[in-house]
């Protein structure tokens, strides 16, 4: 989008980075909790293209405290390869959402995926690790997601342990990688291929619990 750089240039304001926990504890035994308020795409304006960018930018300038428009614009920026700008917008959104735990979790979840899909798995892990230990305490999205990012980072033993938690929770679902497309419809084919590698490693040497 040609206008993207021109429109977003007005938003290039550095924002302090919100620190999140980077350490990742060992997985729990089970992950049965629903967490749909976290695992949702934050959309303020439907559609795509320059008109959406302009409407989002106008909304942010008019109501700087609104979180959803800033997150959506951050997603557009990162999807178009403007990772630095996307990071600034996400950091601004996190600053604005301070104290609103449910919305903050959704921002962090989206931020992590945009970082991961921009080739920054370590930064993605830093975001997602901040969602461990909150509420819900054991959301079902965590085992496959952490298995994916840890395997990508070469932390393969940890990845297998997280995948094992998914299998313990729903053995009929996660014991067969043929189910991944149904279980993870929003993942890319490449991401599901990586998770299938984790599955093969788990199958070859399933870790015991605890």
N, C-alpha and C. Protein backbone atom coordinates (compact mmCIF):
# COMPACT_ATOMS: atom_id res chain seq x y z
N UNK A 1 0.84 -1.19 0.00
CA UNK A 1 0.00 0.00 0.00
C UNK A 1 0.88 1.24 0.00
N UNK A 2 0.71 2.06 -1.07
CA UNK A 2 1.59 3.21 -1.21
C UNK A 2 1.41 4.21 -0.10
N UNK A 3 0.17 4.42 0.31
CA UNK A 3 -0.09 5.45 1.30
C UNK A 3 0.32 5.03 2.71
N UNK A 4 0.62 3.77 2.89
CA UNK A 4 0.88 3.27 4.24
C UNK A 4 2.01 4.03 4.91
N UNK A 5 3.14 4.19 4.19
CA UNK A 5 4.28 4.87 4.79
C UNK A 5 3.96 6.33 5.11
N UNK A 6 3.21 7.00 4.22
CA UNK A 6 2.91 8.41 4.43
C UNK A 6 1.96 8.60 5.60
N UNK A 7 0.93 7.75 5.66
CA UNK A 7 -0.06 7.90 6.73
C UNK A 7 0.53 7.54 8.08
N UNK A 8 1.29 6.44 8.12
CA UNK A 8 1.82 5.99 9.40
C UNK A 8 3.00 6.81 9.88
N UNK A 9 3.60 7.59 8.99
CA UNK A 9 4.75 8.40 9.40
C UNK A 9 4.38 9.36 10.52
N UNK A 10 3.11 9.78 10.55
CA UNK A 10 2.68 10.71 11.60
C UNK A 10 2.66 10.05 12.98
N UNK A 11 2.74 8.74 13.01
CA UNK A 11 2.64 8.03 14.29
C UNK A 11 3.99 7.58 14.81
N UNK A 12 5.06 8.00 14.20
CA UNK A 12 6.39 7.54 14.60
C UNK A 12 6.85 8.25 15.88
N UNK A 13 6.26 7.86 16.97
CA UNK A 13 6.60 8.41 18.28
C UNK A 13 7.10 7.26 19.13
N UNK A 14 8.31 7.37 19.61
CA UNK A 14 8.87 6.30 20.43
C UNK A 14 8.13 6.21 21.75
N UNK A 15 7.85 5.01 22.16
CA UNK A 15 7.12 4.75 23.39
C UNK A 15 7.93 3.81 24.25
N UNK A 16 8.02 4.02 25.56
CA UNK A 16 8.76 3.10 26.41
C UNK A 16 8.25 1.68 26.25
N UNK A 17 9.18 0.74 26.19
CA UNK A 17 8.82 -0.66 26.04
C UNK A 17 8.29 -1.20 27.36
N UNK A 18 7.19 -1.94 27.29
CA UNK A 18 6.62 -2.56 28.48
C UNK A 18 7.36 -3.86 28.75
N UNK A 19 7.95 -3.96 29.91
CA UNK A 19 8.73 -5.16 30.24
C UNK A 19 7.80 -6.32 30.58
N UNK A 20 8.09 -7.48 30.02
CA UNK A 20 7.34 -8.69 30.31
C UNK A 20 8.30 -9.79 30.73
N UNK A 21 7.78 -10.71 31.49
CA UNK A 21 8.62 -11.81 31.96
C UNK A 21 9.16 -12.60 30.78
N UNK A 22 10.43 -12.99 30.83
CA UNK A 22 11.05 -13.73 29.75
C UNK A 22 11.29 -15.19 30.12
N UNK A 23 11.28 -15.51 31.40
CA UNK A 23 11.50 -16.89 31.81
C UNK A 23 10.22 -17.69 31.58
N UNK A 24 10.39 -18.97 31.29
CA UNK A 24 9.24 -19.82 31.02
C UNK A 24 9.28 -21.00 31.97
N UNK A 25 8.28 -21.14 32.83
CA UNK A 25 8.29 -22.26 33.77
C UNK A 25 8.00 -23.57 33.05
N UNK A 26 8.20 -24.66 33.75
CA UNK A 26 7.86 -25.97 33.20
C UNK A 26 6.35 -26.04 32.99
N UNK A 27 5.90 -26.77 31.98
CA UNK A 27 4.46 -26.87 31.74
C UNK A 27 3.73 -27.59 32.86
N UNK A 28 2.45 -27.27 33.00
CA UNK A 28 1.58 -27.97 33.94
C UNK A 28 1.19 -29.33 33.35
N UNK A 29 0.45 -30.10 34.14
CA UNK A 29 0.01 -31.40 33.64
C UNK A 29 -1.10 -31.27 32.61
N UNK A 30 -2.07 -30.38 32.88
CA UNK A 30 -3.23 -30.26 31.99
C UNK A 30 -3.50 -28.79 31.66
N UNK A 31 -4.12 -28.58 30.50
CA UNK A 31 -4.46 -27.23 30.02
C UNK A 31 -5.88 -27.24 29.46
N UNK A 32 -6.85 -27.23 30.37
CA UNK A 32 -8.25 -27.32 29.97
C UNK A 32 -8.95 -25.96 29.87
N UNK A 33 -8.31 -24.88 30.31
CA UNK A 33 -9.00 -23.59 30.41
C UNK A 33 -9.26 -22.97 29.04
N UNK A 34 -10.46 -22.41 28.88
CA UNK A 34 -10.78 -21.60 27.71
C UNK A 34 -10.17 -20.21 27.90
N UNK A 35 -9.76 -19.61 26.79
CA UNK A 35 -9.14 -18.28 26.89
C UNK A 35 -9.46 -17.46 25.63
N UNK A 36 -10.74 -17.47 25.26
CA UNK A 36 -11.14 -16.83 24.01
C UNK A 36 -10.97 -15.31 24.04
N UNK A 37 -10.97 -14.70 25.21
CA UNK A 37 -10.78 -13.25 25.27
C UNK A 37 -9.34 -12.85 24.97
N UNK A 38 -8.43 -13.81 25.15
CA UNK A 38 -7.02 -13.55 24.80
C UNK A 38 -6.77 -13.84 23.33
N UNK A 39 -7.23 -14.98 22.86
CA UNK A 39 -6.89 -15.46 21.53
C UNK A 39 -7.89 -14.93 20.49
N UNK A 40 -7.94 -13.63 20.37
CA UNK A 40 -8.85 -13.01 19.41
C UNK A 40 -8.11 -11.90 18.67
N UNK A 41 -8.44 -11.79 17.41
CA UNK A 41 -7.87 -10.71 16.61
C UNK A 41 -8.57 -9.42 16.98
N UNK A 42 -7.81 -8.37 17.21
CA UNK A 42 -8.38 -7.08 17.60
C UNK A 42 -8.61 -6.25 16.34
N UNK A 43 -9.88 -6.08 16.00
CA UNK A 43 -10.27 -5.39 14.77
C UNK A 43 -11.15 -4.20 15.15
N UNK A 44 -10.75 -3.01 14.76
CA UNK A 44 -11.54 -1.81 14.99
C UNK A 44 -12.29 -1.39 13.73
N UNK A 45 -11.68 -1.65 12.57
CA UNK A 45 -12.27 -1.26 11.29
C UNK A 45 -12.20 -2.44 10.34
N UNK A 46 -13.35 -2.84 9.81
CA UNK A 46 -13.38 -3.96 8.88
C UNK A 46 -12.84 -3.53 7.51
N UNK A 47 -12.22 -4.49 6.82
CA UNK A 47 -11.73 -4.20 5.48
C UNK A 47 -10.22 -4.21 5.40
N UNK A 48 -9.72 -3.69 4.29
CA UNK A 48 -8.28 -3.67 4.05
C UNK A 48 -7.97 -2.50 3.13
N UNK A 49 -6.69 -2.21 2.97
CA UNK A 49 -6.29 -1.18 2.03
C UNK A 49 -6.06 0.18 2.69
N UNK A 50 -5.78 1.16 1.83
CA UNK A 50 -5.41 2.50 2.31
C UNK A 50 -6.53 3.17 3.10
N UNK A 51 -7.78 2.94 2.70
CA UNK A 51 -8.88 3.59 3.39
C UNK A 51 -8.94 3.15 4.85
N UNK A 52 -8.71 1.86 5.09
CA UNK A 52 -8.72 1.35 6.47
C UNK A 52 -7.58 1.98 7.26
N UNK A 53 -6.39 2.05 6.66
CA UNK A 53 -5.24 2.66 7.32
C UNK A 53 -5.55 4.11 7.71
N UNK A 54 -6.15 4.84 6.78
CA UNK A 54 -6.46 6.24 7.06
C UNK A 54 -7.49 6.39 8.17
N UNK A 55 -8.49 5.51 8.17
CA UNK A 55 -9.51 5.57 9.22
C UNK A 55 -8.93 5.21 10.57
N UNK A 56 -8.06 4.21 10.60
CA UNK A 56 -7.41 3.84 11.87
C UNK A 56 -6.53 4.96 12.38
N UNK A 57 -5.77 5.57 11.48
CA UNK A 57 -4.88 6.66 11.87
C UNK A 57 -5.67 7.83 12.42
N UNK A 58 -6.78 8.16 11.75
CA UNK A 58 -7.62 9.27 12.21
C UNK A 58 -8.19 8.97 13.59
N UNK A 59 -8.59 7.73 13.81
CA UNK A 59 -9.14 7.34 15.11
C UNK A 59 -8.10 7.48 16.21
N UNK A 60 -6.87 7.04 15.92
CA UNK A 60 -5.80 7.13 16.91
C UNK A 60 -5.48 8.58 17.24
N UNK A 61 -5.45 9.42 16.23
CA UNK A 61 -5.15 10.83 16.47
C UNK A 61 -6.27 11.51 17.26
N UNK A 62 -7.50 11.06 17.03
CA UNK A 62 -8.66 11.65 17.71
C UNK A 62 -8.80 11.11 19.12
N UNK A 63 -8.54 9.78 19.28
CA UNK A 63 -8.70 9.14 20.59
C UNK A 63 -7.46 8.30 20.88
N UNK A 64 -6.38 8.93 21.32
CA UNK A 64 -5.10 8.22 21.50
C UNK A 64 -5.17 7.05 22.49
N UNK A 65 -6.15 7.05 23.37
CA UNK A 65 -6.22 5.98 24.37
C UNK A 65 -6.91 4.72 23.83
N UNK A 66 -7.51 4.78 22.66
CA UNK A 66 -8.16 3.60 22.09
C UNK A 66 -7.11 2.56 21.71
N UNK A 67 -7.31 1.36 22.16
CA UNK A 67 -6.31 0.31 21.98
C UNK A 67 -6.49 -0.46 20.67
N UNK A 68 -7.72 -0.87 20.37
CA UNK A 68 -7.94 -1.73 19.21
C UNK A 68 -7.46 -1.12 17.89
N UNK A 69 -7.72 0.18 17.62
CA UNK A 69 -7.21 0.74 16.36
C UNK A 69 -5.69 0.72 16.28
N UNK A 70 -5.04 0.96 17.40
CA UNK A 70 -3.58 0.96 17.39
C UNK A 70 -3.02 -0.44 17.15
N UNK A 71 -3.66 -1.45 17.74
CA UNK A 71 -3.21 -2.82 17.52
C UNK A 71 -3.44 -3.25 16.07
N UNK A 72 -4.60 -2.91 15.52
CA UNK A 72 -4.86 -3.26 14.13
C UNK A 72 -3.87 -2.58 13.19
N UNK A 73 -3.56 -1.33 13.46
CA UNK A 73 -2.59 -0.63 12.63
C UNK A 73 -1.19 -1.23 12.80
N UNK A 74 -0.87 -1.64 14.02
CA UNK A 74 0.42 -2.31 14.25
C UNK A 74 0.51 -3.59 13.45
N UNK A 75 -0.59 -4.35 13.42
CA UNK A 75 -0.62 -5.59 12.64
C UNK A 75 -0.41 -5.31 11.16
N UNK A 76 -1.06 -4.28 10.64
CA UNK A 76 -0.89 -3.92 9.23
C UNK A 76 0.55 -3.52 8.95
N UNK A 77 1.13 -2.74 9.85
CA UNK A 77 2.52 -2.29 9.66
C UNK A 77 3.47 -3.48 9.64
N UNK A 78 3.31 -4.40 10.58
CA UNK A 78 4.22 -5.54 10.65
C UNK A 78 4.01 -6.49 9.48
N UNK A 79 2.77 -6.65 9.05
CA UNK A 79 2.49 -7.50 7.91
C UNK A 79 3.12 -6.94 6.63
N UNK A 80 3.27 -5.62 6.57
CA UNK A 80 3.87 -4.99 5.40
C UNK A 80 5.38 -4.83 5.52
N UNK A 81 5.96 -5.41 6.59
CA UNK A 81 7.41 -5.39 6.74
C UNK A 81 7.95 -4.23 7.55
N UNK A 82 7.08 -3.40 8.09
CA UNK A 82 7.53 -2.25 8.90
C UNK A 82 7.52 -2.65 10.38
N UNK A 83 8.47 -3.53 10.71
CA UNK A 83 8.50 -4.12 12.05
C UNK A 83 8.76 -3.07 13.12
N UNK A 84 9.65 -2.14 12.86
CA UNK A 84 9.96 -1.12 13.88
C UNK A 84 8.74 -0.29 14.21
N UNK A 85 8.01 0.13 13.18
CA UNK A 85 6.81 0.92 13.41
C UNK A 85 5.75 0.08 14.11
N UNK A 86 5.60 -1.17 13.69
CA UNK A 86 4.64 -2.05 14.35
C UNK A 86 4.96 -2.21 15.82
N UNK A 87 6.25 -2.35 16.13
CA UNK A 87 6.67 -2.47 17.53
C UNK A 87 6.31 -1.23 18.32
N UNK A 88 6.54 -0.06 17.73
CA UNK A 88 6.19 1.19 18.42
C UNK A 88 4.70 1.28 18.69
N UNK A 89 3.91 0.89 17.72
CA UNK A 89 2.46 0.94 17.89
C UNK A 89 1.99 -0.06 18.95
N UNK A 90 2.56 -1.25 18.92
CA UNK A 90 2.20 -2.24 19.94
C UNK A 90 2.62 -1.77 21.34
N UNK A 91 3.79 -1.19 21.45
CA UNK A 91 4.24 -0.71 22.76
C UNK A 91 3.34 0.40 23.27
N UNK A 92 2.88 1.25 22.34
CA UNK A 92 1.95 2.30 22.73
C UNK A 92 0.62 1.70 23.19
N UNK A 93 0.18 0.66 22.50
CA UNK A 93 -1.07 0.00 22.89
C UNK A 93 -0.94 -0.63 24.27
N UNK A 94 0.20 -1.25 24.55
CA UNK A 94 0.41 -1.86 25.87
C UNK A 94 0.45 -0.81 26.96
N UNK A 95 1.01 0.33 26.65
CA UNK A 95 1.03 1.41 27.63
C UNK A 95 -0.39 1.91 27.91
N UNK A 96 -1.19 2.01 26.84
CA UNK A 96 -2.55 2.52 26.98
C UNK A 96 -3.46 1.55 27.71
N UNK A 97 -3.15 0.26 27.61
CA UNK A 97 -4.04 -0.76 28.17
C UNK A 97 -3.64 -1.18 29.57
N UNK A 98 -2.65 -0.55 30.13
CA UNK A 98 -2.19 -0.90 31.47
C UNK A 98 -3.34 -0.88 32.47
N UNK A 99 -3.46 -1.96 33.22
CA UNK A 99 -4.52 -2.06 34.22
C UNK A 99 -5.76 -2.76 33.73
N UNK A 100 -5.86 -3.01 32.42
CA UNK A 100 -7.01 -3.72 31.86
C UNK A 100 -6.53 -5.10 31.43
N UNK A 101 -6.56 -6.04 32.37
CA UNK A 101 -5.88 -7.31 32.19
C UNK A 101 -6.37 -8.10 30.98
N UNK A 102 -7.68 -8.18 30.80
CA UNK A 102 -8.19 -9.00 29.70
C UNK A 102 -7.77 -8.45 28.35
N UNK A 103 -7.90 -7.15 28.18
CA UNK A 103 -7.51 -6.55 26.91
C UNK A 103 -6.00 -6.59 26.74
N UNK A 104 -5.27 -6.41 27.82
CA UNK A 104 -3.81 -6.48 27.76
C UNK A 104 -3.36 -7.85 27.28
N UNK A 105 -4.00 -8.91 27.75
CA UNK A 105 -3.62 -10.25 27.32
C UNK A 105 -3.84 -10.42 25.81
N UNK A 106 -4.93 -9.87 25.30
CA UNK A 106 -5.19 -9.98 23.87
C UNK A 106 -4.15 -9.22 23.06
N UNK A 107 -3.74 -8.05 23.55
CA UNK A 107 -2.71 -7.28 22.85
C UNK A 107 -1.40 -8.07 22.81
N UNK A 108 -1.02 -8.64 23.94
CA UNK A 108 0.23 -9.39 24.03
C UNK A 108 0.18 -10.62 23.12
N UNK A 109 -0.94 -11.32 23.11
CA UNK A 109 -1.09 -12.51 22.26
C UNK A 109 -0.92 -12.15 20.79
N UNK A 110 -1.58 -11.08 20.36
CA UNK A 110 -1.45 -10.63 18.96
C UNK A 110 -0.04 -10.15 18.65
N UNK A 111 0.55 -9.43 19.58
CA UNK A 111 1.92 -8.93 19.41
C UNK A 111 2.88 -10.10 19.19
N UNK A 112 2.73 -11.13 20.01
CA UNK A 112 3.60 -12.29 19.88
C UNK A 112 3.50 -12.94 18.51
N UNK A 113 2.28 -13.11 18.01
CA UNK A 113 2.12 -13.74 16.70
C UNK A 113 2.71 -12.88 15.58
N UNK A 114 2.53 -11.56 15.67
CA UNK A 114 3.11 -10.71 14.63
C UNK A 114 4.62 -10.76 14.66
N UNK A 115 5.20 -10.81 15.85
CA UNK A 115 6.65 -10.94 15.95
C UNK A 115 7.11 -12.29 15.40
N UNK A 116 6.42 -13.35 15.78
CA UNK A 116 6.81 -14.68 15.30
C UNK A 116 6.77 -14.74 13.78
N UNK A 117 5.73 -14.20 13.21
CA UNK A 117 5.57 -14.27 11.76
C UNK A 117 6.43 -13.26 11.02
N UNK A 118 7.10 -12.41 11.76
CA UNK A 118 8.10 -11.53 11.17
C UNK A 118 9.51 -12.05 11.42
N UNK A 119 9.63 -13.32 11.80
CA UNK A 119 10.93 -13.94 11.97
C UNK A 119 11.64 -13.58 13.26
N UNK A 120 10.88 -13.23 14.31
CA UNK A 120 11.47 -12.87 15.60
C UNK A 120 10.90 -13.77 16.71
N UNK A 121 11.21 -15.07 16.67
CA UNK A 121 10.62 -15.98 17.66
C UNK A 121 11.04 -15.68 19.09
N UNK A 122 12.26 -15.18 19.30
CA UNK A 122 12.68 -14.87 20.67
C UNK A 122 11.83 -13.76 21.26
N UNK A 123 11.60 -12.72 20.49
CA UNK A 123 10.75 -11.63 20.98
C UNK A 123 9.31 -12.09 21.16
N UNK A 124 8.86 -12.99 20.28
CA UNK A 124 7.52 -13.55 20.45
C UNK A 124 7.41 -14.29 21.77
N UNK A 125 8.42 -15.10 22.08
CA UNK A 125 8.43 -15.84 23.33
C UNK A 125 8.43 -14.89 24.52
N UNK A 126 9.15 -13.79 24.42
CA UNK A 126 9.18 -12.82 25.51
C UNK A 126 7.78 -12.25 25.77
N UNK A 127 7.03 -12.02 24.72
CA UNK A 127 5.66 -11.55 24.91
C UNK A 127 4.78 -12.64 25.52
N UNK A 128 4.75 -13.80 24.89
CA UNK A 128 3.85 -14.86 25.35
C UNK A 128 4.18 -15.35 26.75
N UNK A 129 5.46 -15.33 27.12
CA UNK A 129 5.81 -15.81 28.46
C UNK A 129 5.19 -14.94 29.54
N UNK A 130 4.87 -13.70 29.21
CA UNK A 130 4.21 -12.82 30.17
C UNK A 130 2.78 -13.22 30.45
N UNK A 131 2.22 -14.14 29.66
CA UNK A 131 0.85 -14.59 29.86
C UNK A 131 0.77 -15.87 30.68
N UNK A 132 1.90 -16.40 31.08
CA UNK A 132 1.94 -17.62 31.89
C UNK A 132 1.76 -17.24 33.36
N UNK A 133 0.88 -17.97 34.04
CA UNK A 133 0.71 -17.74 35.46
C UNK A 133 -0.37 -16.74 35.79
N UNK A 134 -1.02 -16.18 34.76
CA UNK A 134 -2.13 -15.27 35.02
C UNK A 134 -3.44 -16.03 35.08
N UNK A 135 -4.50 -15.38 34.62
CA UNK A 135 -5.79 -16.03 34.57
C UNK A 135 -6.38 -15.86 33.18
N UNK A 136 -6.81 -16.95 32.57
CA UNK A 136 -6.89 -18.33 33.05
C UNK A 136 -5.51 -18.93 33.34
N UNK A 137 -5.49 -19.84 34.29
CA UNK A 137 -4.22 -20.38 34.77
C UNK A 137 -3.61 -21.38 33.80
N UNK A 138 -4.44 -22.10 33.05
CA UNK A 138 -3.92 -23.15 32.16
C UNK A 138 -4.69 -23.16 30.85
N UNK A 139 -4.53 -22.12 30.03
CA UNK A 139 -5.29 -22.04 28.78
C UNK A 139 -4.78 -23.02 27.73
N UNK A 140 -5.71 -23.55 26.96
CA UNK A 140 -5.37 -24.59 26.00
C UNK A 140 -4.48 -24.16 24.86
N UNK A 141 -4.38 -22.85 24.58
CA UNK A 141 -3.53 -22.41 23.47
C UNK A 141 -2.05 -22.50 23.80
N UNK A 142 -1.71 -22.54 25.09
CA UNK A 142 -0.30 -22.42 25.45
C UNK A 142 0.57 -23.62 25.05
N UNK A 143 0.17 -24.88 25.30
CA UNK A 143 1.08 -25.98 24.95
C UNK A 143 1.49 -26.01 23.47
N UNK A 144 0.58 -25.96 22.50
CA UNK A 144 1.05 -25.99 21.11
C UNK A 144 1.82 -24.74 20.72
N UNK A 145 1.43 -23.59 21.25
CA UNK A 145 2.12 -22.34 20.88
C UNK A 145 3.54 -22.32 21.41
N UNK A 146 3.72 -22.70 22.66
CA UNK A 146 5.07 -22.73 23.21
C UNK A 146 5.89 -23.84 22.58
N UNK A 147 5.25 -24.95 22.23
CA UNK A 147 5.98 -26.00 21.52
C UNK A 147 6.52 -25.48 20.20
N UNK A 148 5.71 -24.72 19.49
CA UNK A 148 6.11 -24.15 18.21
C UNK A 148 7.28 -23.20 18.35
N UNK A 149 7.16 -22.23 19.25
CA UNK A 149 8.19 -21.19 19.34
C UNK A 149 9.48 -21.75 19.93
N UNK A 150 9.39 -22.65 20.89
CA UNK A 150 10.59 -23.23 21.48
C UNK A 150 11.33 -24.12 20.47
N UNK A 151 10.59 -24.88 19.69
CA UNK A 151 11.22 -25.70 18.66
C UNK A 151 11.92 -24.81 17.62
N UNK A 152 11.27 -23.73 17.25
CA UNK A 152 11.86 -22.79 16.30
C UNK A 152 13.15 -22.19 16.83
N UNK A 153 13.21 -21.99 18.14
CA UNK A 153 14.41 -21.42 18.77
C UNK A 153 15.48 -22.48 19.04
N UNK A 154 15.22 -23.73 18.70
CA UNK A 154 16.19 -24.78 18.96
C UNK A 154 16.13 -25.35 20.35
N UNK A 155 15.14 -24.96 21.15
CA UNK A 155 14.99 -25.47 22.51
C UNK A 155 14.06 -26.68 22.46
N UNK A 156 14.57 -27.74 21.88
CA UNK A 156 13.71 -28.85 21.45
C UNK A 156 13.21 -29.70 22.61
N UNK A 157 14.03 -29.92 23.62
CA UNK A 157 13.56 -30.70 24.77
C UNK A 157 12.38 -30.00 25.45
N UNK A 158 12.48 -28.68 25.60
CA UNK A 158 11.38 -27.92 26.20
C UNK A 158 10.14 -27.98 25.32
N UNK A 159 10.35 -27.87 24.01
CA UNK A 159 9.22 -27.91 23.08
C UNK A 159 8.45 -29.22 23.21
N UNK A 160 9.18 -30.32 23.30
CA UNK A 160 8.53 -31.62 23.42
C UNK A 160 7.75 -31.72 24.72
N UNK A 161 8.28 -31.16 25.80
CA UNK A 161 7.56 -31.19 27.08
C UNK A 161 6.25 -30.42 27.00
N UNK A 162 6.27 -29.29 26.29
CA UNK A 162 5.03 -28.54 26.13
C UNK A 162 4.05 -29.28 25.25
N UNK A 163 4.55 -29.92 24.21
CA UNK A 163 3.65 -30.70 23.37
C UNK A 163 3.05 -31.87 24.16
N UNK A 164 3.85 -32.45 25.02
CA UNK A 164 3.36 -33.55 25.85
C UNK A 164 2.20 -33.09 26.74
N UNK A 165 2.24 -31.84 27.18
CA UNK A 165 1.14 -31.31 27.99
C UNK A 165 -0.15 -31.26 27.17
N UNK A 166 -0.03 -30.92 25.89
CA UNK A 166 -1.21 -30.92 25.02
C UNK A 166 -1.77 -32.33 24.89
N UNK A 167 -0.88 -33.31 24.73
CA UNK A 167 -1.33 -34.70 24.59
C UNK A 167 -1.97 -35.20 25.87
N UNK A 168 -1.40 -34.87 27.02
CA UNK A 168 -2.00 -35.29 28.29
C UNK A 168 -3.40 -34.71 28.45
N UNK A 169 -3.56 -33.47 27.98
CA UNK A 169 -4.84 -32.79 28.14
C UNK A 169 -5.91 -33.38 27.23
N UNK A 170 -5.57 -33.56 25.96
CA UNK A 170 -6.53 -34.08 24.97
C UNK A 170 -5.83 -35.12 24.11
N UNK A 171 -5.61 -36.33 24.63
CA UNK A 171 -4.84 -37.33 23.88
C UNK A 171 -5.46 -37.70 22.55
N UNK A 172 -6.77 -37.72 22.44
CA UNK A 172 -7.41 -38.10 21.19
C UNK A 172 -7.17 -37.06 20.10
N UNK A 173 -6.91 -35.84 20.50
CA UNK A 173 -6.72 -34.76 19.54
C UNK A 173 -5.26 -34.61 19.13
N UNK A 174 -4.37 -34.54 20.14
CA UNK A 174 -2.99 -34.15 19.86
C UNK A 174 -2.06 -35.32 19.58
N UNK A 175 -2.53 -36.53 19.72
CA UNK A 175 -1.68 -37.69 19.43
C UNK A 175 -1.52 -37.92 17.93
N UNK A 176 -2.32 -37.27 17.13
CA UNK A 176 -2.28 -37.47 15.68
C UNK A 176 -2.11 -36.12 14.99
N UNK A 177 -0.99 -35.87 14.31
CA UNK A 177 -0.78 -34.57 13.65
C UNK A 177 -1.76 -34.31 12.52
N UNK A 178 -2.47 -35.34 12.07
CA UNK A 178 -3.50 -35.13 11.05
C UNK A 178 -4.60 -34.20 11.56
N UNK A 179 -4.70 -34.07 12.89
CA UNK A 179 -5.72 -33.20 13.49
C UNK A 179 -5.28 -31.73 13.57
N UNK A 180 -4.03 -31.44 13.28
CA UNK A 180 -3.52 -30.09 13.50
C UNK A 180 -4.28 -29.04 12.69
N UNK A 181 -4.63 -29.36 11.46
CA UNK A 181 -5.32 -28.37 10.63
C UNK A 181 -6.67 -27.99 11.23
N UNK A 182 -7.35 -28.98 11.82
CA UNK A 182 -8.64 -28.71 12.46
C UNK A 182 -8.46 -27.99 13.78
N UNK A 183 -7.46 -28.41 14.54
CA UNK A 183 -7.22 -27.81 15.86
C UNK A 183 -6.64 -26.40 15.76
N UNK A 184 -5.89 -26.14 14.70
CA UNK A 184 -5.16 -24.87 14.56
C UNK A 184 -5.47 -24.24 13.20
N UNK A 185 -6.72 -23.88 12.97
CA UNK A 185 -7.10 -23.38 11.64
C UNK A 185 -6.46 -22.04 11.29
N UNK A 186 -6.07 -21.25 12.29
CA UNK A 186 -5.49 -19.94 12.03
C UNK A 186 -3.97 -19.98 11.85
N UNK A 187 -3.38 -21.15 12.06
CA UNK A 187 -1.94 -21.29 11.86
C UNK A 187 -1.65 -21.45 10.37
N UNK A 188 -0.45 -21.07 9.96
CA UNK A 188 -0.05 -21.29 8.58
C UNK A 188 0.35 -22.76 8.39
N UNK A 189 0.40 -23.18 7.15
CA UNK A 189 0.81 -24.55 6.87
C UNK A 189 2.24 -24.79 7.35
N UNK A 190 3.09 -23.79 7.21
CA UNK A 190 4.48 -23.91 7.68
C UNK A 190 4.53 -24.11 9.19
N UNK A 191 3.70 -23.37 9.91
CA UNK A 191 3.68 -23.51 11.37
C UNK A 191 3.18 -24.89 11.78
N UNK A 192 2.17 -25.38 11.10
CA UNK A 192 1.68 -26.73 11.43
C UNK A 192 2.71 -27.80 11.06
N UNK A 193 3.51 -27.54 10.02
CA UNK A 193 4.57 -28.47 9.66
C UNK A 193 5.62 -28.54 10.77
N UNK A 194 5.96 -27.39 11.34
CA UNK A 194 6.92 -27.36 12.45
C UNK A 194 6.35 -28.14 13.63
N UNK A 195 5.07 -27.94 13.92
CA UNK A 195 4.47 -28.64 15.06
C UNK A 195 4.45 -30.15 14.81
N UNK A 196 4.31 -30.55 13.57
CA UNK A 196 4.37 -31.98 13.25
C UNK A 196 5.75 -32.55 13.56
N UNK A 197 6.80 -31.73 13.38
CA UNK A 197 8.14 -32.16 13.76
C UNK A 197 8.23 -32.36 15.27
N UNK A 198 7.61 -31.46 16.03
CA UNK A 198 7.59 -31.61 17.48
C UNK A 198 6.85 -32.89 17.85
N UNK A 199 5.74 -33.15 17.17
CA UNK A 199 4.98 -34.37 17.43
C UNK A 199 5.84 -35.61 17.21
N UNK A 200 6.62 -35.63 16.12
CA UNK A 200 7.46 -36.80 15.85
C UNK A 200 8.49 -36.99 16.94
N UNK A 201 9.04 -35.89 17.44
CA UNK A 201 10.02 -35.99 18.53
C UNK A 201 9.34 -36.48 19.81
N UNK A 202 8.13 -36.00 20.06
CA UNK A 202 7.38 -36.49 21.23
C UNK A 202 7.08 -37.98 21.08
N UNK A 203 6.67 -38.41 19.90
CA UNK A 203 6.31 -39.79 19.68
C UNK A 203 7.51 -40.71 19.84
N UNK A 204 8.69 -40.22 19.43
CA UNK A 204 9.90 -41.03 19.52
C UNK A 204 10.37 -41.22 20.96
N UNK A 205 10.08 -40.20 21.79
CA UNK A 205 10.56 -40.28 23.17
C UNK A 205 9.66 -39.44 24.07
N UNK A 206 8.45 -39.92 24.34
CA UNK A 206 7.50 -39.12 25.14
C UNK A 206 8.00 -38.94 26.56
N UNK A 207 8.04 -37.69 27.03
CA UNK A 207 8.52 -37.46 28.40
C UNK A 207 7.51 -37.94 29.44
N UNK A 208 8.02 -38.37 30.56
CA UNK A 208 7.13 -38.79 31.65
C UNK A 208 6.69 -37.56 32.45
N UNK A 209 5.64 -37.74 33.21
CA UNK A 209 5.16 -36.67 34.09
C UNK A 209 5.24 -37.16 35.53
N UNK A 210 5.74 -36.33 36.45
CA UNK A 210 6.15 -34.94 36.23
C UNK A 210 7.56 -34.85 35.67
